[in-house]
Amino acid sequence: MVTDSDQPAGTPTAVLRSVRLPARLDPVLSGLIVVLLLVDALITLALEVLFLPLYLGTLAFPVAALLAAPINVALVYGMESVTDRLGFTFAPIVVWVFGFLVASSRGPGGDVLLGSDGRTLLLLACGVLAPLAYLYYRANFGLFRSS
């Protein structure tokens, strides 16, 4: 083991230390990240629902449905930074699907945010199937640690 007394005089010693949060703050920070990811799932769903009926001239252009796939995969990827449990990494998508079901049901005034057309089906498919495919890939190639 090399100590400062073993070093020649005037030689700077470089100590590499990993920066870590105190152990008591780690669960708090992890819980905060989980809450933020779950809230973010609802916020992104609201924006996707609002921009789903976008038209370019007379052509329906569901760009929000196509953006749902990479956004939801990013939510699952962010959840992987908090947990190694495969089932828990899908929690933002469960919240997203719950919000989707609420948006597709009738409100108090009889309004429905999501119609029964192909754009709504595309939003559901992109929002759920892409993260499922990502988790399937991660689970089958052994990238998750067993808990």
Protein backbone atom coordinates (compact mmCIF):
# COMPACT_ATOMS: atom_id res chain seq x y z
CA MET A 1 0.00 0.00 0.00
CA VAL A 2 1.34 3.42 -0.94
CA THR A 3 0.89 6.23 1.56
CA ASP A 4 1.76 9.90 1.45
CA SER A 5 4.96 9.23 3.41
CA ASP A 6 6.14 6.86 0.65
CA GLN A 7 5.75 9.53 -2.03
CA PRO A 8 8.71 11.78 -2.83
CA ALA A 9 8.36 15.33 -1.55
CA GLY A 10 6.48 17.61 -3.91
CA THR A 11 4.71 14.80 -5.77
CA PRO A 12 0.94 15.35 -5.79
CA THR A 13 -1.10 12.38 -4.76
CA ALA A 14 -4.23 11.63 -6.75
CA VAL A 15 -6.98 9.88 -4.92
CA LEU A 16 -9.89 8.72 -7.03
CA ARG A 17 -13.08 8.41 -5.08
CA SER A 18 -16.50 7.61 -6.36
CA VAL A 19 -19.11 10.21 -5.55
CA ARG A 20 -22.01 8.57 -3.77
CA LEU A 21 -24.90 9.90 -1.81
CA PRO A 22 -25.10 9.05 1.88
CA ALA A 23 -26.79 5.69 2.42
CA ARG A 24 -29.75 7.26 4.22
CA LEU A 25 -30.52 9.55 1.25
CA ASP A 26 -30.34 6.82 -1.39
CA PRO A 27 -33.88 5.41 -0.77
CA VAL A 28 -35.27 8.94 -0.65
CA LEU A 29 -33.70 9.83 -3.98
CA SER A 30 -34.84 6.54 -5.53
CA GLY A 31 -38.39 7.14 -4.33
CA LEU A 32 -38.33 10.65 -5.76
CA ILE A 33 -37.15 9.34 -9.13
CA VAL A 34 -39.94 6.73 -9.14
CA VAL A 35 -42.60 9.36 -8.35
CA LEU A 36 -41.24 11.70 -11.04
CA LEU A 37 -41.25 8.94 -13.65
CA LEU A 38 -44.84 7.97 -12.80
CA VAL A 39 -45.99 11.59 -12.97
CA ASP A 40 -44.06 12.01 -16.21
CA ALA A 41 -45.95 9.05 -17.67
CA LEU A 42 -49.24 10.87 -17.04
CA ILE A 43 -47.92 14.19 -18.37
CA THR A 44 -46.66 12.63 -21.59
CA LEU A 45 -49.95 10.78 -22.04
CA ALA A 46 -51.87 14.05 -21.67
CA LEU A 47 -49.69 15.70 -24.32
CA GLU A 48 -50.00 12.70 -26.63
CA VAL A 49 -53.79 12.72 -26.29
CA LEU A 50 -53.92 16.46 -26.96
CA PHE A 51 -51.78 16.26 -30.09
CA LEU A 52 -53.26 13.00 -31.42
CA PRO A 53 -55.95 14.67 -33.59
CA LEU A 54 -53.32 16.75 -35.43
CA TYR A 55 -53.97 17.28 -39.15
CA LEU A 56 -51.72 18.41 -41.97
CA GLY A 57 -54.22 19.92 -44.34
CA THR A 58 -56.87 17.24 -44.74
CA LEU A 59 -54.57 14.34 -43.81
CA ALA A 60 -54.58 12.96 -40.27
CA PHE A 61 -51.02 13.08 -38.95
CA PRO A 62 -50.76 11.15 -35.64
CA VAL A 63 -47.18 12.14 -34.81
CA ALA A 64 -48.01 11.94 -31.08
CA ALA A 65 -48.74 8.24 -31.42
CA LEU A 66 -45.39 7.64 -33.08
CA LEU A 67 -43.59 9.64 -30.38
CA ALA A 68 -45.26 7.56 -27.65
CA ALA A 69 -42.99 4.59 -28.42
CA PRO A 70 -39.58 6.18 -27.73
CA ILE A 71 -40.93 8.25 -24.84
CA ASN A 72 -42.35 5.22 -23.06
CA VAL A 73 -39.20 3.21 -23.69
CA ALA A 74 -37.26 6.09 -22.13
CA LEU A 75 -39.54 5.96 -19.08
CA VAL A 76 -38.84 2.25 -18.67
CA TYR A 77 -35.12 2.87 -19.19
CA GLY A 78 -35.23 5.56 -16.50
CA MET A 79 -36.94 3.17 -14.11
CA GLU A 80 -34.05 0.74 -14.63
CA SER A 81 -31.77 3.27 -12.92
CA VAL A 82 -33.77 2.79 -9.73
CA THR A 83 -34.53 -0.92 -9.62
CA ASP A 84 -33.28 -4.21 -10.99
CA ARG A 85 -36.67 -5.89 -10.72
CA LEU A 86 -38.08 -6.54 -14.17
CA GLY A 87 -41.73 -6.23 -13.13
CA PHE A 88 -41.26 -2.91 -11.39
CA THR A 89 -39.56 -1.32 -14.38
CA PHE A 90 -42.88 -1.53 -16.23
CA ALA A 91 -44.67 0.64 -13.61
CA PRO A 92 -44.67 3.86 -15.72
CA ILE A 93 -46.39 1.98 -18.54
CA VAL A 94 -49.04 0.64 -16.14
CA VAL A 95 -49.74 4.24 -15.06
CA TRP A 96 -49.75 5.30 -18.72
CA VAL A 97 -52.31 2.59 -19.60
CA PHE A 98 -54.47 3.60 -16.63
CA GLY A 99 -54.42 7.19 -17.87
CA PHE A 100 -55.21 5.96 -21.38
CA LEU A 101 -58.27 4.12 -20.09
CA VAL A 102 -59.42 7.23 -18.22
CA ALA A 103 -58.94 9.35 -21.35
CA SER A 104 -60.91 6.89 -23.46
CA SER A 105 -63.91 6.86 -21.13
CA ARG A 106 -66.72 9.42 -21.01
CA GLY A 107 -66.32 12.44 -18.79
CA PRO A 108 -69.04 14.13 -16.73
CA GLY A 109 -70.24 16.17 -19.71
CA GLY A 110 -70.20 13.19 -22.06
CA ASP A 111 -66.90 14.23 -23.66
CA VAL A 112 -64.46 11.58 -24.81
CA LEU A 113 -60.83 12.60 -25.33
CA LEU A 114 -59.95 9.58 -27.45
CA GLY A 115 -62.21 8.58 -30.29
CA SER A 116 -62.67 5.06 -31.58
CA ASP A 117 -60.50 5.26 -34.68
CA GLY A 118 -57.17 4.05 -35.97
CA ARG A 119 -55.17 6.86 -34.36
CA THR A 120 -56.27 5.77 -30.89
CA LEU A 121 -55.33 2.17 -31.67
CA LEU A 122 -51.97 3.35 -32.99
CA LEU A 123 -51.38 5.36 -29.80
CA LEU A 124 -52.16 2.32 -27.64
CA ALA A 125 -49.99 0.01 -29.77
CA CYS A 126 -47.00 2.35 -29.84
CA GLY A 127 -47.34 3.26 -26.18
CA VAL A 128 -47.45 -0.32 -24.92
CA LEU A 129 -45.84 -2.61 -27.49
CA ALA A 130 -42.55 -0.72 -27.82
CA PRO A 131 -41.77 -0.84 -24.06
CA LEU A 132 -42.89 -4.48 -23.96
CA ALA A 133 -40.52 -5.31 -26.80
CA TYR A 134 -37.72 -3.45 -25.02
CA LEU A 135 -38.32 -5.33 -21.76
CA TYR A 136 -38.57 -8.62 -23.63
CA TYR A 137 -35.20 -7.93 -25.23
CA ARG A 138 -33.63 -6.97 -21.90
CA ALA A 139 -35.07 -9.96 -20.04
CA ASN A 140 -34.13 -12.57 -22.61
CA PHE A 141 -30.57 -11.48 -23.11
CA GLY A 142 -29.78 -11.61 -19.39
CA LEU A 143 -29.26 -7.91 -18.83
CA PHE A 144 -31.40 -7.90 -15.69
CA ARG A 145 -29.92 -9.19 -12.47
CA SER A 146 -32.02 -11.67 -10.56
CA SER A 147 -33.26 -10.33 -7.24
